[in-house]
Amino acid sequence: MIPWAEAIIQLRLAESVDPKEGSVKLRNLRIQDGWLGDISTGRIAAYNQFEGEKSTASWFPTEGVAKAWAKFSFPDGSSKGNNEKEPEDSNK
């Protein structure tokens, strides 16, 4: 949760913000600039490269947060990015 929150704060706050000077205007985030993760398989990919069902996927603000989620949620290493291929069966 902390890496996700840190990434959101970094993306939303301007670098020179001073809350003592009044209201802080947050920058908008576009969902298409984030990453998605399949909650069943742990596969992650940039939003536009995601091959799974986007409406049921988890959204992440950065690649680093997506990778951290996959590592935490699938500690056995069973998750893969969309661009990673399954090993070929050498018995074919």
C-alpha atoms as a PDB file:
ATOM      1  CA  MET A   1       0.000   0.000   0.000  1.00  0.00           C
ATOM      2  CA  ILE A   2       2.797   2.417   0.807  1.00  0.00           C
ATOM      3  CA  PRO A   3       4.505   2.183  -2.632  1.00  0.00           C
ATOM      4  CA  TRP A   4       1.112   2.787  -4.288  1.00  0.00           C
ATOM      5  CA  ALA A   5       0.413   5.835  -2.118  1.00  0.00           C
ATOM      6  CA  GLU A   6       3.920   7.232  -2.638  1.00  0.00           C
ATOM      7  CA  ALA A   7       3.576   6.867  -6.424  1.00  0.00           C
ATOM      8  CA  ILE A   8       0.183   8.602  -6.414  1.00  0.00           C
ATOM      9  CA  ILE A   9       1.505  11.490  -4.314  1.00  0.00           C
ATOM     10  CA  GLN A  10       4.506  11.870  -6.613  1.00  0.00           C
ATOM     11  CA  LEU A  11       2.342  11.846  -9.737  1.00  0.00           C
ATOM     12  CA  ARG A  12      -0.384  14.147  -8.395  1.00  0.00           C
ATOM     13  CA  LEU A  13       1.595  16.838  -6.544  1.00  0.00           C
ATOM     14  CA  ALA A  14       3.566  19.489  -8.371  1.00  0.00           C
ATOM     15  CA  GLU A  15       7.223  19.596  -7.327  1.00  0.00           C
ATOM     16  CA  SER A  16       7.039  23.122  -5.965  1.00  0.00           C
ATOM     17  CA  VAL A  17       3.851  22.790  -3.927  1.00  0.00           C
ATOM     18  CA  ASP A  18       3.569  24.526  -0.548  1.00  0.00           C
ATOM     19  CA  PRO A  19       0.322  23.780   1.323  1.00  0.00           C
ATOM     20  CA  LYS A  20       1.030  26.762   3.623  1.00  0.00           C
ATOM     21  CA  GLU A  21       0.287  29.031   0.666  1.00  0.00           C
ATOM     22  CA  GLY A  22      -3.286  27.801   0.274  1.00  0.00           C
ATOM     23  CA  SER A  23      -5.108  25.085  -1.609  1.00  0.00           C
ATOM     24  CA  VAL A  24      -2.994  22.617  -3.505  1.00  0.00           C
ATOM     25  CA  LYS A  25      -4.011  21.853  -7.085  1.00  0.00           C
ATOM     26  CA  LEU A  26      -3.479  18.202  -7.902  1.00  0.00           C
ATOM     27  CA  ARG A  27      -2.421  17.040 -11.351  1.00  0.00           C
ATOM     28  CA  ASN A  28      -4.870  14.739 -13.142  1.00  0.00           C
ATOM     29  CA  LEU A  29      -3.952  11.133 -13.800  1.00  0.00           C
ATOM     30  CA  ARG A  30      -5.037   9.275 -16.908  1.00  0.00           C
ATOM     31  CA  ILE A  31      -5.975   5.643 -16.395  1.00  0.00           C
ATOM     32  CA  GLN A  32      -4.275   4.846 -19.719  1.00  0.00           C
ATOM     33  CA  ASP A  33      -0.912   5.971 -18.313  1.00  0.00           C
ATOM     34  CA  GLY A  34      -1.013   3.306 -15.602  1.00  0.00           C
ATOM     35  CA  TRP A  35      -0.486  -0.422 -15.460  1.00  0.00           C
ATOM     36  CA  LEU A  36      -2.966  -3.270 -15.031  1.00  0.00           C
ATOM     37  CA  GLY A  37      -2.691  -6.597 -13.259  1.00  0.00           C
ATOM     38  CA  ASP A  38      -4.826  -9.692 -13.713  1.00  0.00           C
ATOM     39  CA  ILE A  39      -5.979 -10.716 -10.233  1.00  0.00           C
ATOM     40  CA  SER A  40      -6.240 -14.389 -11.229  1.00  0.00           C
ATOM     41  CA  THR A  41      -2.882 -14.859 -12.917  1.00  0.00           C
ATOM     42  CA  GLY A  42      -0.757 -11.949 -11.693  1.00  0.00           C
ATOM     43  CA  ARG A  43       0.117 -10.957 -15.244  1.00  0.00           C
ATOM     44  CA  ILE A  44       0.913  -7.267 -15.512  1.00  0.00           C
ATOM     45  CA  ALA A  45       1.319  -4.885 -18.424  1.00  0.00           C
ATOM     46  CA  ALA A  46       1.047  -1.261 -19.375  1.00  0.00           C
ATOM     47  CA  TYR A  47      -2.625  -0.308 -19.770  1.00  0.00           C
ATOM     48  CA  ASN A  48      -2.572  -0.264 -23.586  1.00  0.00           C
ATOM     49  CA  GLN A  49      -0.677  -3.585 -23.784  1.00  0.00           C
ATOM     50  CA  PHE A  50      -2.802  -5.481 -21.260  1.00  0.00           C
ATOM     51  CA  GLU A  51      -4.349  -8.561 -22.865  1.00  0.00           C
ATOM     52  CA  GLY A  52      -6.829  -9.438 -20.111  1.00  0.00           C
ATOM     53  CA  GLU A  53     -10.209  -8.017 -19.101  1.00  0.00           C
ATOM     54  CA  LYS A  54      -9.489  -4.398 -18.173  1.00  0.00           C
ATOM     55  CA  SER A  55     -12.756  -3.924 -16.291  1.00  0.00           C
ATOM     56  CA  THR A  56     -11.807  -6.521 -13.659  1.00  0.00           C
ATOM     57  CA  ALA A  57      -8.056  -5.866 -13.498  1.00  0.00           C
ATOM     58  CA  SER A  58      -6.223  -4.036 -10.731  1.00  0.00           C
ATOM     59  CA  TRP A  59      -4.898  -0.603 -11.720  1.00  0.00           C
ATOM     60  CA  PHE A  60      -1.450   0.639 -10.719  1.00  0.00           C
ATOM     61  CA  PRO A  61       0.070   4.086 -11.219  1.00  0.00           C
ATOM     62  CA  THR A  62       3.538   2.869 -12.269  1.00  0.00           C
ATOM     63  CA  GLU A  63       5.373  -0.196 -13.525  1.00  0.00           C
ATOM     64  CA  GLY A  64       7.259  -0.396 -10.234  1.00  0.00           C
ATOM     65  CA  VAL A  65       4.059  -0.588  -8.206  1.00  0.00           C
ATOM     66  CA  ALA A  66       2.631  -3.198 -10.595  1.00  0.00           C
ATOM     67  CA  LYS A  67       5.753  -5.343 -10.215  1.00  0.00           C
ATOM     68  CA  ALA A  68       5.665  -4.976  -6.418  1.00  0.00           C
ATOM     69  CA  TRP A  69       1.998  -6.095  -6.405  1.00  0.00           C
ATOM     70  CA  ALA A  70       2.771  -9.125  -8.568  1.00  0.00           C
ATOM     71  CA  LYS A  71       5.715 -10.114  -6.369  1.00  0.00           C
ATOM     72  CA  PHE A  72       3.657  -9.706  -3.182  1.00  0.00           C
ATOM     73  CA  SER A  73       0.497 -11.370  -4.524  1.00  0.00           C
ATOM     74  CA  PHE A  74       2.282 -14.224  -6.305  1.00  0.00           C
ATOM     75  CA  PRO A  75       5.393 -14.875  -4.170  1.00  0.00           C
ATOM     76  CA  ASP A  76       6.053 -18.211  -5.882  1.00  0.00           C
ATOM     77  CA  GLY A  77       6.949 -16.277  -9.050  1.00  0.00           C
ATOM     78  CA  SER A  78       3.973 -17.609 -10.999  1.00  0.00           C
ATOM     79  CA  SER A  79       2.998 -14.164 -12.335  1.00  0.00           C
ATOM     80  CA  LYS A  80       4.353 -12.935 -15.665  1.00  0.00           C
ATOM     81  CA  GLY A  81       4.120  -9.774 -17.683  1.00  0.00           C
ATOM     82  CA  ASN A  82       1.933  -9.963 -20.804  1.00  0.00           C
ATOM     83  CA  ASN A  83       5.010  -9.948 -23.022  1.00  0.00           C
ATOM     84  CA  GLU A  84       6.570 -12.952 -21.325  1.00  0.00           C
ATOM     85  CA  LYS A  85       5.935 -16.211 -23.137  1.00  0.00           C
ATOM     86  CA  GLU A  86       5.252 -19.559 -21.540  1.00  0.00           C
ATOM     87  CA  PRO A  87       8.213 -21.962 -21.938  1.00  0.00           C
ATOM     88  CA  GLU A  88       7.986 -24.108 -25.054  1.00  0.00           C
ATOM     89  CA  ASP A  89       7.380 -27.805 -24.442  1.00  0.00           C
ATOM     90  CA  SER A  90      10.534 -29.510 -25.699  1.00  0.00           C
ATOM     91  CA  ASN A  91       8.644 -32.802 -26.103  1.00  0.00           C
ATOM     92  CA  LYS A  92       6.634 -31.557 -29.092  1.00  0.00           C
END
